[in-house]
Amino acid sequence: MIRAVVRATICLPTYDERDNLEPMLRALGRVLPPGGRVLVIDDGSPDGTGAVADRLARELPFVDVL
């Protein structure tokens, strides 16, 4: 029997989500399987969502930002 490790990546598109992003990422972090990742995709939100995403990516090891 072959057992494969399954990894999950959640792609989270954002736009003007500065106030919602941190609670969402922290909630996702509580339910991600081992090795799971969250990719935050921000397209230049004028409210500073990208800066919040970058800060959280430095703080939370499962977060990446595009």
PDB file of N, CA and C in Angstrom:
ATOM      1  N   MET A   1       0.846  -1.172   0.000  1.00  0.00           N
ATOM      2  CA  MET A   1       0.000   0.000   0.000  1.00  0.00           C
ATOM      3  C   MET A   1       0.898   1.243   0.000  1.00  0.00           C
ATOM      4  N   ILE A   2       0.604   2.167  -0.878  1.00  0.00           N
ATOM      5  CA  ILE A   2       1.339   3.422  -0.948  1.00  0.00           C
ATOM      6  C   ILE A   2       0.566   4.482  -0.183  1.00  0.00           C
ATOM      7  N   ARG A   3       1.244   5.136   0.715  1.00  0.00           N
ATOM      8  CA  ARG A   3       0.616   6.228   1.468  1.00  0.00           C
ATOM      9  C   ARG A   3       1.273   7.531   1.045  1.00  0.00           C
ATOM     10  N   ALA A   4       0.474   8.425   0.573  1.00  0.00           N
ATOM     11  CA  ALA A   4       0.995   9.720   0.128  1.00  0.00           C
ATOM     12  C   ALA A   4       0.619  10.800   1.131  1.00  0.00           C
ATOM     13  N   VAL A   5       1.528  11.743   1.293  1.00  0.00           N
ATOM     14  CA  VAL A   5       1.244  12.894   2.133  1.00  0.00           C
ATOM     15  C   VAL A   5       0.439  13.879   1.294  1.00  0.00           C
ATOM     16  N   VAL A   6      -0.691  14.275   1.804  1.00  0.00           N
ATOM     17  CA  VAL A   6      -1.535  15.229   1.098  1.00  0.00           C
ATOM     18  C   VAL A   6      -1.322  16.601   1.720  1.00  0.00           C
ATOM     19  N   ARG A   7      -1.015  17.562   0.872  1.00  0.00           N
ATOM     20  CA  ARG A   7      -0.854  18.936   1.348  1.00  0.00           C
ATOM     21  C   ARG A   7      -1.978  19.780   0.779  1.00  0.00           C
ATOM     22  N   ALA A   8      -2.369  20.752   1.539  1.00  0.00           N
ATOM     23  CA  ALA A   8      -3.433  21.658   1.093  1.00  0.00           C
ATOM     24  C   ALA A   8      -2.885  23.075   1.032  1.00  0.00           C
ATOM     25  N   THR A   9      -3.245  23.778  -0.034  1.00  0.00           N
ATOM     26  CA  THR A   9      -2.957  25.201  -0.131  1.00  0.00           C
ATOM     27  C   THR A   9      -4.265  25.921  -0.375  1.00  0.00           C
ATOM     28  N   ILE A  10      -4.598  26.826   0.503  1.00  0.00           N
ATOM     29  CA  ILE A  10      -5.793  27.644   0.340  1.00  0.00           C
ATOM     30  C   ILE A  10      -5.365  28.929  -0.345  1.00  0.00           C
ATOM     31  N   CYS A  11      -5.970  29.222  -1.485  1.00  0.00           N
ATOM     32  CA  CYS A  11      -5.712  30.467  -2.202  1.00  0.00           C
ATOM     33  C   CYS A  11      -6.781  31.465  -1.775  1.00  0.00           C
ATOM     34  N   LEU A  12      -6.336  32.550  -1.175  1.00  0.00           N
ATOM     35  CA  LEU A  12      -7.247  33.530  -0.597  1.00  0.00           C
ATOM     36  C   LEU A  12      -7.112  34.861  -1.334  1.00  0.00           C
ATOM     37  N   PRO A  13      -7.954  35.097  -2.345  1.00  0.00           N
ATOM     38  CA  PRO A  13      -7.897  36.394  -3.038  1.00  0.00           C
ATOM     39  C   PRO A  13      -8.472  37.488  -2.144  1.00  0.00           C
ATOM     40  N   THR A  14      -7.817  38.644  -2.149  1.00  0.00           N
ATOM     41  CA  THR A  14      -8.259  39.736  -1.283  1.00  0.00           C
ATOM     42  C   THR A  14      -8.320  41.049  -2.052  1.00  0.00           C
ATOM     43  N   TYR A  15      -9.205  41.899  -1.617  1.00  0.00           N
ATOM     44  CA  TYR A  15      -9.276  43.285  -2.096  1.00  0.00           C
ATOM     45  C   TYR A  15     -10.000  44.079  -1.026  1.00  0.00           C
ATOM     46  N   ASP A  16      -9.335  45.053  -0.457  1.00  0.00           N
ATOM     47  CA  ASP A  16      -9.897  45.858   0.637  1.00  0.00           C
ATOM     48  C   ASP A  16     -10.379  44.985   1.798  1.00  0.00           C
ATOM     49  N   GLU A  17      -9.512  44.121   2.261  1.00  0.00           N
ATOM     50  CA  GLU A  17      -9.841  43.209   3.368  1.00  0.00           C
ATOM     51  C   GLU A  17      -8.937  43.425   4.575  1.00  0.00           C
ATOM     52  N   ARG A  18      -8.389  44.623   4.716  1.00  0.00           N
ATOM     53  CA  ARG A  18      -7.447  44.914   5.806  1.00  0.00           C
ATOM     54  C   ARG A  18      -8.000  44.476   7.171  1.00  0.00           C
ATOM     55  N   ASP A  19      -9.240  44.794   7.462  1.00  0.00           N
ATOM     56  CA  ASP A  19      -9.797  44.499   8.785  1.00  0.00           C
ATOM     57  C   ASP A  19     -10.144  43.024   8.958  1.00  0.00           C
ATOM     58  N   ASN A  20     -10.369  42.306   7.867  1.00  0.00           N
ATOM     59  CA  ASN A  20     -10.790  40.908   7.948  1.00  0.00           C
ATOM     60  C   ASN A  20      -9.650  39.910   7.818  1.00  0.00           C
ATOM     61  N   LEU A  21      -8.530  40.345   7.273  1.00  0.00           N
ATOM     62  CA  LEU A  21      -7.482  39.391   6.910  1.00  0.00           C
ATOM     63  C   LEU A  21      -6.868  38.679   8.110  1.00  0.00           C
ATOM     64  N   GLU A  22      -6.485  39.401   9.131  1.00  0.00           N
ATOM     65  CA  GLU A  22      -5.842  38.749  10.275  1.00  0.00           C
ATOM     66  C   GLU A  22      -6.763  37.744  10.963  1.00  0.00           C
ATOM     67  N   PRO A  23      -8.023  38.095  11.273  1.00  0.00           N
ATOM     68  CA  PRO A  23      -8.894  37.076  11.883  1.00  0.00           C
ATOM     69  C   PRO A  23      -9.078  35.850  10.982  1.00  0.00           C
ATOM     70  N   MET A  24      -9.173  36.072   9.667  1.00  0.00           N
ATOM     71  CA  MET A  24      -9.356  34.957   8.745  1.00  0.00           C
ATOM     72  C   MET A  24      -8.133  34.042   8.741  1.00  0.00           C
ATOM     73  N   LEU A  25      -6.938  34.619   8.662  1.00  0.00           N
ATOM     74  CA  LEU A  25      -5.734  33.795   8.625  1.00  0.00           C
ATOM     75  C   LEU A  25      -5.526  33.044   9.932  1.00  0.00           C
ATOM     76  N   ARG A  26      -5.811  33.676  11.037  1.00  0.00           N
ATOM     77  CA  ARG A  26      -5.645  32.992  12.332  1.00  0.00           C
ATOM     78  C   ARG A  26      -6.653  31.846  12.465  1.00  0.00           C
ATOM     79  N   ALA A  27      -7.871  32.049  11.968  1.00  0.00           N
ATOM     80  CA  ALA A  27      -8.878  30.977  11.990  1.00  0.00           C
ATOM     81  C   ALA A  27      -8.448  29.826  11.080  1.00  0.00           C
ATOM     82  N   LEU A  28      -7.949  30.153   9.896  1.00  0.00           N
ATOM     83  CA  LEU A  28      -7.489  29.103   8.989  1.00  0.00           C
ATOM     84  C   LEU A  28      -6.316  28.338   9.592  1.00  0.00           C
ATOM     85  N   GLY A  29      -5.436  29.025  10.268  1.00  0.00           N
ATOM     86  CA  GLY A  29      -4.295  28.372  10.906  1.00  0.00           C
ATOM     87  C   GLY A  29      -4.698  27.325  11.928  1.00  0.00           C
ATOM     88  N   ARG A  30      -5.844  27.514  12.531  1.00  0.00           N
ATOM     89  CA  ARG A  30      -6.325  26.547  13.537  1.00  0.00           C
ATOM     90  C   ARG A  30      -6.877  25.279  12.902  1.00  0.00           C
ATOM     91  N   VAL A  31      -7.232  25.307  11.617  1.00  0.00           N
ATOM     92  CA  VAL A  31      -7.847  24.136  10.988  1.00  0.00           C
ATOM     93  C   VAL A  31      -7.027  23.542   9.843  1.00  0.00           C
ATOM     94  N   LEU A  32      -5.927  24.176   9.489  1.00  0.00           N
ATOM     95  CA  LEU A  32      -5.087  23.645   8.419  1.00  0.00           C
ATOM     96  C   LEU A  32      -4.485  22.305   8.830  1.00  0.00           C
ATOM     97  N   PRO A  33      -4.398  21.366   7.889  1.00  0.00           N
ATOM     98  CA  PRO A  33      -3.707  20.114   8.199  1.00  0.00           C
ATOM     99  C   PRO A  33      -2.203  20.369   8.280  1.00  0.00           C
ATOM    100  N   PRO A  34      -1.450  19.450   8.850  1.00  0.00           N
ATOM    101  CA  PRO A  34       0.002  19.609   8.895  1.00  0.00           C
ATOM    102  C   PRO A  34       0.557  19.863   7.484  1.00  0.00           C
ATOM    103  N   GLY A  35       1.409  20.842   7.374  1.00  0.00           N
ATOM    104  CA  GLY A  35       1.988  21.177   6.078  1.00  0.00           C
ATOM    105  C   GLY A  35       1.104  22.058   5.217  1.00  0.00           C
ATOM    106  N   GLY A  36      -0.087  22.395   5.705  1.00  0.00           N
ATOM    107  CA  GLY A  36      -1.013  23.235   4.952  1.00  0.00           C
ATOM    108  C   GLY A  36      -0.503  24.657   4.832  1.00  0.00           C
ATOM    109  N   ARG A  37      -0.890  25.327   3.779  1.00  0.00           N
ATOM    110  CA  ARG A  37      -0.441  26.696   3.499  1.00  0.00           C
ATOM    111  C   ARG A  37      -1.646  27.551   3.126  1.00  0.00           C
ATOM    112  N   VAL A  38      -1.477  28.854   3.292  1.00  0.00           N
ATOM    113  CA  VAL A  38      -2.441  29.827   2.779  1.00  0.00           C
ATOM    114  C   VAL A  38      -1.672  30.799   1.907  1.00  0.00           C
ATOM    115  N   LEU A  39      -2.134  30.966   0.685  1.00  0.00           N
ATOM    116  CA  LEU A  39      -1.553  31.923  -0.239  1.00  0.00           C
ATOM    117  C   LEU A  39      -2.504  33.105  -0.351  1.00  0.00           C
ATOM    118  N   VAL A  40      -2.082  34.250   0.172  1.00  0.00           N
ATOM    119  CA  VAL A  40      -2.886  35.470   0.088  1.00  0.00           C
ATOM    120  C   VAL A  40      -2.529  36.155  -1.232  1.00  0.00           C
ATOM    121  N   ILE A  41      -3.541  36.400  -2.043  1.00  0.00           N
ATOM    122  CA  ILE A  41      -3.344  37.033  -3.349  1.00  0.00           C
ATOM    123  C   ILE A  41      -4.012  38.395  -3.301  1.00  0.00           C
ATOM    124  N   ASP A  42      -3.192  39.444  -3.296  1.00  0.00           N
ATOM    125  CA  ASP A  42      -3.725  40.802  -3.228  1.00  0.00           C
ATOM    126  C   ASP A  42      -3.311  41.577  -4.468  1.00  0.00           C
ATOM    127  N   ASP A  43      -4.261  42.260  -5.066  1.00  0.00           N
ATOM    128  CA  ASP A  43      -4.019  42.994  -6.309  1.00  0.00           C
ATOM    129  C   ASP A  43      -4.025  44.495  -6.054  1.00  0.00           C
ATOM    130  N   GLY A  44      -3.172  44.912  -5.118  1.00  0.00           N
ATOM    131  CA  GLY A  44      -3.014  46.345  -4.886  1.00  0.00           C
ATOM    132  C   GLY A  44      -4.174  47.005  -4.167  1.00  0.00           C
ATOM    133  N   SER A  45      -4.703  46.372  -3.146  1.00  0.00           N
ATOM    134  CA  SER A  45      -5.798  46.971  -2.377  1.00  0.00           C
ATOM    135  C   SER A  45      -5.390  48.352  -1.872  1.00  0.00           C
ATOM    136  N   PRO A  46      -6.225  49.365  -2.096  1.00  0.00           N
ATOM    137  CA  PRO A  46      -5.883  50.715  -1.646  1.00  0.00           C
ATOM    138  C   PRO A  46      -5.966  50.904  -0.130  1.00  0.00           C
ATOM    139  N   ASP A  47      -6.548  49.940   0.583  1.00  0.00           N
ATOM    140  CA  ASP A  47      -6.708  50.108   2.032  1.00  0.00           C
ATOM    141  C   ASP A  47      -5.537  49.551   2.843  1.00  0.00           C
ATOM    142  N   GLY A  48      -4.501  49.042   2.182  1.00  0.00           N
ATOM    143  CA  GLY A  48      -3.346  48.522   2.897  1.00  0.00           C
ATOM    144  C   GLY A  48      -3.399  47.035   3.202  1.00  0.00           C
ATOM    145  N   THR A  49      -4.304  46.314   2.559  1.00  0.00           N
ATOM    146  CA  THR A  49      -4.396  44.872   2.781  1.00  0.00           C
ATOM    147  C   THR A  49      -3.062  44.182   2.506  1.00  0.00           C
ATOM    148  N   GLY A  50      -2.375  44.605   1.445  1.00  0.00           N
ATOM    149  CA  GLY A  50      -1.100  43.974   1.100  1.00  0.00           C
ATOM    150  C   GLY A  50      -0.069  44.108   2.194  1.00  0.00           C
ATOM    151  N   ALA A  51       0.007  45.265   2.834  1.00  0.00           N
ATOM    152  CA  ALA A  51       0.956  45.474   3.924  1.00  0.00           C
ATOM    153  C   ALA A  51       0.615  44.583   5.118  1.00  0.00           C
ATOM    154  N   VAL A  52      -0.662  44.441   5.411  1.00  0.00           N
ATOM    155  CA  VAL A  52      -1.087  43.554   6.500  1.00  0.00           C
ATOM    156  C   VAL A  52      -0.722  42.117   6.155  1.00  0.00           C
ATOM    157  N   ALA A  53      -0.961  41.721   4.916  1.00  0.00           N
ATOM    158  CA  ALA A  53      -0.629  40.363   4.473  1.00  0.00           C
ATOM    159  C   ALA A  53       0.874  40.108   4.606  1.00  0.00           C
ATOM    160  N   ASP A  54       1.689  41.062   4.202  1.00  0.00           N
ATOM    161  CA  ASP A  54       3.143  40.906   4.316  1.00  0.00           C
ATOM    162  C   ASP A  54       3.567  40.762   5.777  1.00  0.00           C
ATOM    163  N   ARG A  55       2.984  41.563   6.655  1.00  0.00           N
ATOM    164  CA  ARG A  55       3.307  41.472   8.084  1.00  0.00           C
ATOM    165  C   ARG A  55       2.945  40.102   8.641  1.00  0.00           C
ATOM    166  N   LEU A  56       1.753  39.627   8.265  1.00  0.00           N
ATOM    167  CA  LEU A  56       1.300  38.335   8.771  1.00  0.00           C
ATOM    168  C   LEU A  56       2.126  37.188   8.201  1.00  0.00           C
ATOM    169  N   ALA A  57       2.611  37.326   6.974  1.00  0.00           N
ATOM    170  CA  ALA A  57       3.458  36.284   6.381  1.00  0.00           C
ATOM    171  C   ALA A  57       4.782  36.167   7.140  1.00  0.00           C
ATOM    172  N   ARG A  58       5.269  37.272   7.673  1.00  0.00           N
ATOM    173  CA  ARG A  58       6.491  37.227   8.488  1.00  0.00           C
ATOM    174  C   ARG A  58       6.220  36.585   9.854  1.00  0.00           C
ATOM    175  N   GLU A  59       4.993  36.705  10.316  1.00  0.00           N
ATOM    176  CA  GLU A  59       4.625  36.235  11.654  1.00  0.00           C
ATOM    177  C   GLU A  59       4.099  34.797  11.664  1.00  0.00           C
ATOM    178  N   LEU A  60       3.360  34.429  10.635  1.00  0.00           N
ATOM    179  CA  LEU A  60       2.710  33.118  10.587  1.00  0.00           C
ATOM    180  C   LEU A  60       3.407  32.244   9.543  1.00  0.00           C
ATOM    181  N   PRO A  61       4.001  31.139   9.956  1.00  0.00           N
ATOM    182  CA  PRO A  61       4.825  30.351   9.032  1.00  0.00           C
ATOM    183  C   PRO A  61       4.068  29.670   7.894  1.00  0.00           C
ATOM    184  N   PHE A  62       2.752  29.592   7.970  1.00  0.00           N
ATOM    185  CA  PHE A  62       1.971  28.929   6.932  1.00  0.00           C
ATOM    186  C   PHE A  62       1.440  29.892   5.874  1.00  0.00           C
ATOM    187  N   VAL A  63       1.779  31.174   5.965  1.00  0.00           N
ATOM    188  CA  VAL A  63       1.233  32.207   5.058  1.00  0.00           C
ATOM    189  C   VAL A  63       2.286  32.649   4.054  1.00  0.00           C
ATOM    190  N   ASP A  64       1.870  32.714   2.791  1.00  0.00           N
ATOM    191  CA  ASP A  64       2.657  33.294   1.714  1.00  0.00           C
ATOM    192  C   ASP A  64       1.809  34.385   1.052  1.00  0.00           C
ATOM    193  N   VAL A  65       2.469  35.343   0.419  1.00  0.00           N
ATOM    194  CA  VAL A  65       1.755  36.464  -0.216  1.00  0.00           C
ATOM    195  C   VAL A  65       2.209  36.601  -1.653  1.00  0.00           C
ATOM    196  N   LEU A  66       1.237  36.825  -2.508  1.00  0.00           N
ATOM    197  CA  LEU A  66       1.505  37.106  -3.919  1.00  0.00           C
ATOM    198  C   LEU A  66       0.879  38.437  -4.248  1.00  0.00           C
TER     199      LEU A  66
END
